[in-house]
PDB file of N, CA and C in Angstrom:
ATOM      1  N   MET A   1     -77.840-107.664 -59.588  1.00  0.00           N
ATOM      2  CA  MET A   1     -78.471-107.777 -60.640  1.00  0.00           C
ATOM      3  C   MET A   1     -79.638-106.960 -60.685  1.00  0.00           C
ATOM      4  N   LYS A   2     -79.895-105.854 -62.060  1.00  0.00           N
ATOM      5  CA  LYS A   2     -80.471-104.567 -61.376  1.00  0.00           C
ATOM      6  C   LYS A   2     -81.888-105.707 -62.700  1.00  0.00           C
ATOM      7  N   ALA A   3     -83.172-105.548 -62.578  1.00  0.00           N
ATOM      8  CA  ALA A   3     -84.088-106.077 -63.663  1.00  0.00           C
ATOM      9  C   ALA A   3     -84.049-105.504 -64.657  1.00  0.00           C
ATOM     10  N   ALA A   4     -83.348-104.187 -64.902  1.00  0.00           N
ATOM     11  CA  ALA A   4     -83.188-104.032 -66.152  1.00  0.00           C
ATOM     12  C   ALA A   4     -82.443-104.200 -66.942  1.00  0.00           C
ATOM     13  N   GLU A   5     -81.179-104.950 -66.878  1.00  0.00           N
ATOM     14  CA  GLU A   5     -80.226-106.146 -67.074  1.00  0.00           C
ATOM     15  C   GLU A   5     -80.584-107.455 -67.234  1.00  0.00           C
ATOM     16  N   ILE A   6     -81.688-108.155 -66.227  1.00  0.00           N
ATOM     17  CA  ILE A   6     -82.654-109.353 -67.065  1.00  0.00           C
ATOM     18  C   ILE A   6     -82.963-109.215 -67.879  1.00  0.00           C
ATOM     19  N   ARG A   7     -84.104-108.142 -67.889  1.00  0.00           N
ATOM     20  CA  ARG A   7     -84.729-108.096 -68.988  1.00  0.00           C
ATOM     21  C   ARG A   7     -84.610-108.148 -70.274  1.00  0.00           C
ATOM     22  N   ASN A   8     -83.463-107.690 -70.639  1.00  0.00           N
ATOM     23  CA  ASN A   8     -82.358-108.280 -71.408  1.00  0.00           C
ATOM     24  C   ASN A   8     -82.057-109.354 -72.370  1.00  0.00           C
ATOM     25  N   TYR A   9     -81.993-110.161 -71.254  1.00  0.00           N
ATOM     26  CA  TYR A   9     -81.718-111.995 -71.920  1.00  0.00           C
ATOM     27  C   TYR A   9     -83.190-112.388 -72.322  1.00  0.00           C
ATOM     28  N   SER A  10     -82.846-113.415 -73.122  1.00  0.00           N
ATOM     29  CA  SER A  10     -84.128-114.487 -73.811  1.00  0.00           C
ATOM     30  C   SER A  10     -84.332-115.457 -72.137  1.00  0.00           C
ATOM     31  N   ASP A  11     -86.093-116.253 -72.943  1.00  0.00           N
ATOM     32  CA  ASP A  11     -86.434-116.526 -71.661  1.00  0.00           C
ATOM     33  C   ASP A  11     -85.613-118.151 -71.861  1.00  0.00           C
ATOM     34  N   GLU A  12     -84.754-118.570 -72.559  1.00  0.00           N
ATOM     35  CA  GLU A  12     -83.749-119.676 -72.236  1.00  0.00           C
ATOM     36  C   GLU A  12     -82.001-119.294 -71.533  1.00  0.00           C
ATOM     37  N   GLU A  13     -82.240-117.964 -71.978  1.00  0.00           N
ATOM     38  CA  GLU A  13     -81.409-117.797 -71.136  1.00  0.00           C
ATOM     39  C   GLU A  13     -81.843-116.964 -69.599  1.00  0.00           C
ATOM     40  N   LEU A  14     -82.618-116.290 -69.486  1.00  0.00           N
ATOM     41  CA  LEU A  14     -83.261-116.374 -68.405  1.00  0.00           C
ATOM     42  C   LEU A  14     -83.304-118.321 -67.287  1.00  0.00           C
ATOM     43  N   LYS A  15     -83.820-118.961 -67.757  1.00  0.00           N
ATOM     44  CA  LYS A  15     -83.707-120.361 -67.633  1.00  0.00           C
ATOM     45  C   LYS A  15     -82.880-121.003 -66.681  1.00  0.00           C
ATOM     46  N   LYS A  16     -81.627-120.682 -67.834  1.00  0.00           N
ATOM     47  CA  LYS A  16     -80.516-121.022 -67.118  1.00  0.00           C
ATOM     48  C   LYS A  16     -79.614-119.975 -66.350  1.00  0.00           C
ATOM     49  N   LEU A  17     -79.937-118.931 -66.267  1.00  0.00           N
ATOM     50  CA  LEU A  17     -79.366-118.328 -65.243  1.00  0.00           C
ATOM     51  C   LEU A  17     -79.984-118.627 -64.278  1.00  0.00           C
ATOM     52  N   LEU A  18     -81.311-118.812 -64.158  1.00  0.00           N
ATOM     53  CA  LEU A  18     -81.993-119.143 -63.071  1.00  0.00           C
ATOM     54  C   LEU A  18     -81.477-120.564 -62.473  1.00  0.00           C
ATOM     55  N   GLU A  19     -81.304-121.217 -63.037  1.00  0.00           N
ATOM     56  CA  GLU A  19     -80.487-122.504 -61.666  1.00  0.00           C
ATOM     57  C   GLU A  19     -78.902-122.532 -62.221  1.00  0.00           C
ATOM     58  N   GLU A  20     -78.830-121.136 -62.468  1.00  0.00           N
ATOM     59  CA  GLU A  20     -77.180-121.153 -61.857  1.00  0.00           C
ATOM     60  C   GLU A  20     -77.319-120.590 -60.581  1.00  0.00           C
ATOM     61  N   LYS A  21     -78.369-119.684 -60.896  1.00  0.00           N
ATOM     62  CA  LYS A  21     -78.414-119.208 -59.531  1.00  0.00           C
ATOM     63  C   LYS A  21     -79.055-119.775 -57.690  1.00  0.00           C
ATOM     64  N   LYS A  22     -79.701-120.668 -58.155  1.00  0.00           N
ATOM     65  CA  LYS A  22     -80.114-121.394 -57.737  1.00  0.00           C
ATOM     66  C   LYS A  22     -78.993-122.282 -57.064  1.00  0.00           C
ATOM     67  N   ARG A  23     -78.161-122.520 -58.066  1.00  0.00           N
ATOM     68  CA  ARG A  23     -76.954-123.321 -57.354  1.00  0.00           C
ATOM     69  C   ARG A  23     -76.162-122.640 -57.109  1.00  0.00           C
ATOM     70  N   GLN A  24     -75.357-121.750 -56.790  1.00  0.00           N
ATOM     71  CA  GLN A  24     -75.134-120.714 -56.332  1.00  0.00           C
ATOM     72  C   GLN A  24     -75.895-120.293 -54.366  1.00  0.00           C
ATOM     73  N   LEU A  25     -76.750-119.981 -54.667  1.00  0.00           N
ATOM     74  CA  LEU A  25     -77.685-120.376 -53.546  1.00  0.00           C
ATOM     75  C   LEU A  25     -77.057-121.515 -52.237  1.00  0.00           C
ATOM     76  N   MET A  26     -77.240-122.869 -53.168  1.00  0.00           N
ATOM     77  CA  MET A  26     -77.314-123.703 -52.452  1.00  0.00           C
ATOM     78  C   MET A  26     -75.577-123.969 -52.392  1.00  0.00           C
ATOM     79  N   GLU A  27     -74.398-123.518 -52.966  1.00  0.00           N
ATOM     80  CA  GLU A  27     -73.153-123.875 -52.050  1.00  0.00           C
ATOM     81  C   GLU A  27     -73.054-122.693 -51.490  1.00  0.00           C
ATOM     82  N   LEU A  28     -73.952-120.994 -51.257  1.00  0.00           N
ATOM     83  CA  LEU A  28     -73.338-119.989 -49.871  1.00  0.00           C
ATOM     84  C   LEU A  28     -74.293-121.254 -48.874  1.00  0.00           C
ATOM     85  N   ARG A  29     -74.954-121.444 -49.076  1.00  0.00           N
ATOM     86  CA  ARG A  29     -75.640-122.040 -47.524  1.00  0.00           C
ATOM     87  C   ARG A  29     -74.878-122.866 -47.378  1.00  0.00           C
ATOM     88  N   PHE A  30     -74.649-123.789 -47.780  1.00  0.00           N
ATOM     89  CA  PHE A  30     -73.589-125.169 -47.324  1.00  0.00           C
ATOM     90  C   PHE A  30     -72.245-124.096 -47.112  1.00  0.00           C
ATOM     91  N   GLN A  31     -72.158-123.298 -47.279  1.00  0.00           N
ATOM     92  CA  GLN A  31     -70.904-122.676 -47.030  1.00  0.00           C
ATOM     93  C   GLN A  31     -71.182-121.521 -45.582  1.00  0.00           C
ATOM     94  N   HIS A  32     -72.240-121.177 -45.645  1.00  0.00           N
ATOM     95  CA  HIS A  32     -72.807-120.826 -44.359  1.00  0.00           C
ATOM     96  C   HIS A  32     -72.548-122.062 -43.314  1.00  0.00           C
ATOM     97  N   ALA A  33     -73.111-123.132 -43.607  1.00  0.00           N
ATOM     98  CA  ALA A  33     -73.211-124.060 -42.321  1.00  0.00           C
ATOM     99  C   ALA A  33     -72.198-124.292 -42.569  1.00  0.00           C
ATOM    100  N   MET A  34     -71.476-124.324 -42.972  1.00  0.00           N
ATOM    101  CA  MET A  34     -69.715-125.136 -42.698  1.00  0.00           C
ATOM    102  C   MET A  34     -68.825-123.878 -41.537  1.00  0.00           C
ATOM    103  N   GLY A  35     -69.792-122.956 -41.457  1.00  0.00           N
ATOM    104  CA  GLY A  35     -69.298-121.433 -41.263  1.00  0.00           C
ATOM    105  C   GLY A  35     -67.877-120.792 -42.129  1.00  0.00           C
ATOM    106  N   GLN A  36     -67.983-121.284 -43.144  1.00  0.00           N
ATOM    107  CA  GLN A  36     -66.655-121.095 -44.390  1.00  0.00           C
ATOM    108  C   GLN A  36     -67.008-119.788 -45.157  1.00  0.00           C
ATOM    109  N   LEU A  37     -68.300-118.754 -44.640  1.00  0.00           N
ATOM    110  CA  LEU A  37     -69.004-117.819 -45.693  1.00  0.00           C
ATOM    111  C   LEU A  37     -68.631-116.775 -44.712  1.00  0.00           C
ATOM    112  N   ARG A  38     -68.424-115.692 -45.646  1.00  0.00           N
ATOM    113  CA  ARG A  38     -67.906-114.295 -44.904  1.00  0.00           C
ATOM    114  C   ARG A  38     -68.743-113.713 -44.826  1.00  0.00           C
ATOM    115  N   ASN A  39     -68.507-113.386 -46.097  1.00  0.00           N
ATOM    116  CA  ASN A  39     -70.187-112.151 -46.503  1.00  0.00           C
ATOM    117  C   ASN A  39     -71.742-112.901 -46.508  1.00  0.00           C
ATOM    118  N   THR A  40     -72.392-113.028 -45.718  1.00  0.00           N
ATOM    119  CA  THR A  40     -73.764-113.390 -45.613  1.00  0.00           C
ATOM    120  C   THR A  40     -74.906-112.547 -46.474  1.00  0.00           C
ATOM    121  N   SER A  41     -73.926-111.429 -46.560  1.00  0.00           N
ATOM    122  CA  SER A  41     -75.532-110.859 -47.469  1.00  0.00           C
ATOM    123  C   SER A  41     -75.513-111.442 -49.034  1.00  0.00           C
ATOM    124  N   LEU A  42     -74.217-112.023 -49.670  1.00  0.00           N
ATOM    125  CA  LEU A  42     -74.495-112.620 -50.719  1.00  0.00           C
ATOM    126  C   LEU A  42     -75.650-113.670 -50.687  1.00  0.00           C
ATOM    127  N   ILE A  43     -76.093-114.301 -49.995  1.00  0.00           N
ATOM    128  CA  ILE A  43     -77.147-115.248 -49.616  1.00  0.00           C
ATOM    129  C   ILE A  43     -79.007-114.894 -49.984  1.00  0.00           C
ATOM    130  N   GLU A  44     -78.771-113.698 -48.928  1.00  0.00           N
ATOM    131  CA  GLU A  44     -80.323-112.551 -49.823  1.00  0.00           C
ATOM    132  C   GLU A  44     -80.272-111.956 -51.288  1.00  0.00           C
ATOM    133  N   GLU A  45     -79.034-111.615 -51.036  1.00  0.00           N
ATOM    134  CA  GLU A  45     -78.599-110.979 -52.743  1.00  0.00           C
ATOM    135  C   GLU A  45     -78.923-112.018 -53.470  1.00  0.00           C
ATOM    136  N   THR A  46     -78.176-113.491 -53.879  1.00  0.00           N
ATOM    137  CA  THR A  46     -78.801-114.616 -54.233  1.00  0.00           C
ATOM    138  C   THR A  46     -80.363-114.609 -54.650  1.00  0.00           C
ATOM    139  N   LYS A  47     -81.308-114.660 -53.193  1.00  0.00           N
ATOM    140  CA  LYS A  47     -82.400-115.449 -53.139  1.00  0.00           C
ATOM    141  C   LYS A  47     -83.019-113.558 -54.314  1.00  0.00           C
ATOM    142  N   ARG A  48     -82.980-112.790 -53.981  1.00  0.00           N
ATOM    143  CA  ARG A  48     -83.893-111.570 -54.490  1.00  0.00           C
ATOM    144  C   ARG A  48     -82.982-111.502 -56.074  1.00  0.00           C
ATOM    145  N   ASP A  49     -81.868-112.124 -57.016  1.00  0.00           N
ATOM    146  CA  ASP A  49     -81.931-111.886 -58.102  1.00  0.00           C
ATOM    147  C   ASP A  49     -82.881-113.467 -58.341  1.00  0.00           C
ATOM    148  N   ILE A  50     -82.873-114.214 -57.380  1.00  0.00           N
ATOM    149  CA  ILE A  50     -83.348-115.770 -57.987  1.00  0.00           C
ATOM    150  C   ILE A  50     -85.207-115.043 -58.305  1.00  0.00           C
ATOM    151  N   ALA A  51     -85.736-114.357 -57.305  1.00  0.00           N
ATOM    152  CA  ALA A  51     -87.018-113.673 -57.363  1.00  0.00           C
ATOM    153  C   ALA A  51     -87.116-112.421 -58.333  1.00  0.00           C
ATOM    154  N   ARG A  52     -86.252-112.314 -59.047  1.00  0.00           N
ATOM    155  CA  ARG A  52     -86.367-111.046 -60.607  1.00  0.00           C
ATOM    156  C   ARG A  52     -86.724-112.028 -61.989  1.00  0.00           C
ATOM    157  N   ILE A  53     -85.885-113.005 -61.595  1.00  0.00           N
ATOM    158  CA  ILE A  53     -85.949-113.954 -62.638  1.00  0.00           C
ATOM    159  C   ILE A  53     -87.217-114.012 -62.715  1.00  0.00           C
ATOM    160  N   LYS A  54     -87.837-114.682 -61.919  1.00  0.00           N
ATOM    161  CA  LYS A  54     -89.411-115.561 -61.494  1.00  0.00           C
ATOM    162  C   LYS A  54     -89.869-114.092 -62.056  1.00  0.00           C
ATOM    163  N   THR A  55     -89.799-113.185 -61.633  1.00  0.00           N
ATOM    164  CA  THR A  55     -90.873-112.085 -61.589  1.00  0.00           C
ATOM    165  C   THR A  55     -90.812-111.835 -63.058  1.00  0.00           C
ATOM    166  N   ILE A  56     -89.733-111.706 -63.707  1.00  0.00           N
ATOM    167  CA  ILE A  56     -89.503-111.548 -64.902  1.00  0.00           C
ATOM    168  C   ILE A  56     -90.049-112.792 -66.166  1.00  0.00           C
ATOM    169  N   LEU A  57     -89.631-113.362 -65.796  1.00  0.00           N
ATOM    170  CA  LEU A  57     -90.402-115.117 -66.902  1.00  0.00           C
ATOM    171  C   LEU A  57     -91.944-115.197 -66.602  1.00  0.00           C
ATOM    172  N   ARG A  58     -92.016-115.187 -65.268  1.00  0.00           N
ATOM    173  CA  ARG A  58     -93.768-114.832 -64.979  1.00  0.00           C
ATOM    174  C   ARG A  58     -94.573-113.781 -66.277  1.00  0.00           C
ATOM    175  N   GLU A  59     -93.872-112.699 -65.891  1.00  0.00           N
ATOM    176  CA  GLU A  59     -94.306-111.686 -66.692  1.00  0.00           C
ATOM    177  C   GLU A  59     -94.845-112.041 -68.366  1.00  0.00           C
ATOM    178  N   ARG A  60     -93.419-112.246 -68.416  1.00  0.00           N
ATOM    179  CA  ARG A  60     -93.811-112.317 -69.886  1.00  0.00           C
ATOM    180  C   ARG A  60     -94.504-113.647 -70.325  1.00  0.00           C
ATOM    181  N   GLU A  61     -95.016-114.582 -69.243  1.00  0.00           N
ATOM    182  CA  GLU A  61     -95.678-115.631 -69.884  1.00  0.00           C
ATOM    183  C   GLU A  61     -96.961-115.291 -69.707  1.00  0.00           C
ATOM    184  N   LEU A  62     -97.631-113.985 -69.195  1.00  0.00           N
ATOM    185  CA  LEU A  62     -98.771-113.304 -69.162  1.00  0.00           C
ATOM    186  C   LEU A  62     -98.754-112.220 -70.063  1.00  0.00           C
ATOM    187  N   GLY A  63     -97.792-112.440 -70.585  1.00  0.00           N
ATOM    188  CA  GLY A  63     -98.177-111.387 -71.629  1.00  0.00           C
ATOM    189  C   GLY A  63     -97.938-109.485 -71.269  1.00  0.00           C
ATOM    190  N   ILE A  64     -97.101-109.324 -69.899  1.00  0.00           N
ATOM    191  CA  ILE A  64     -97.422-108.292 -69.395  1.00  0.00           C
ATOM    192  C   ILE A  64     -96.249-108.005 -70.010  1.00  0.00           C
ATOM    193  N   ARG A  65     -95.781-106.699 -70.274  1.00  0.00           N
ATOM    194  CA  ARG A  65     -94.985-105.911 -70.730  1.00  0.00           C
ATOM    195  C   ARG A  65     -94.183-104.802 -70.293  1.00  0.00           C
ATOM    196  N   ARG A  66     -93.233-103.720 -69.886  1.00  0.00           N
ATOM    197  CA  ARG A  66     -92.632-103.077 -69.090  1.00  0.00           C
ATOM    198  C   ARG A  66     -91.222-102.653 -69.832  1.00  0.00           C
TER     199      ARG A  66
END
């Protein structure tokens, strides 16, 4: 997910998306621990998405527009 795509969401949608991504990360970590996850790069991709969402929420909180 690109930052430009994330910026199109409202704050409430971003908060819901953040919770969804956190849940997805937990499930991916569990699958990895059980040896069921074939594509481990999904973990890193999900972590980056979470970081992007948090960054955009913080920018909005501080009033920074890009």
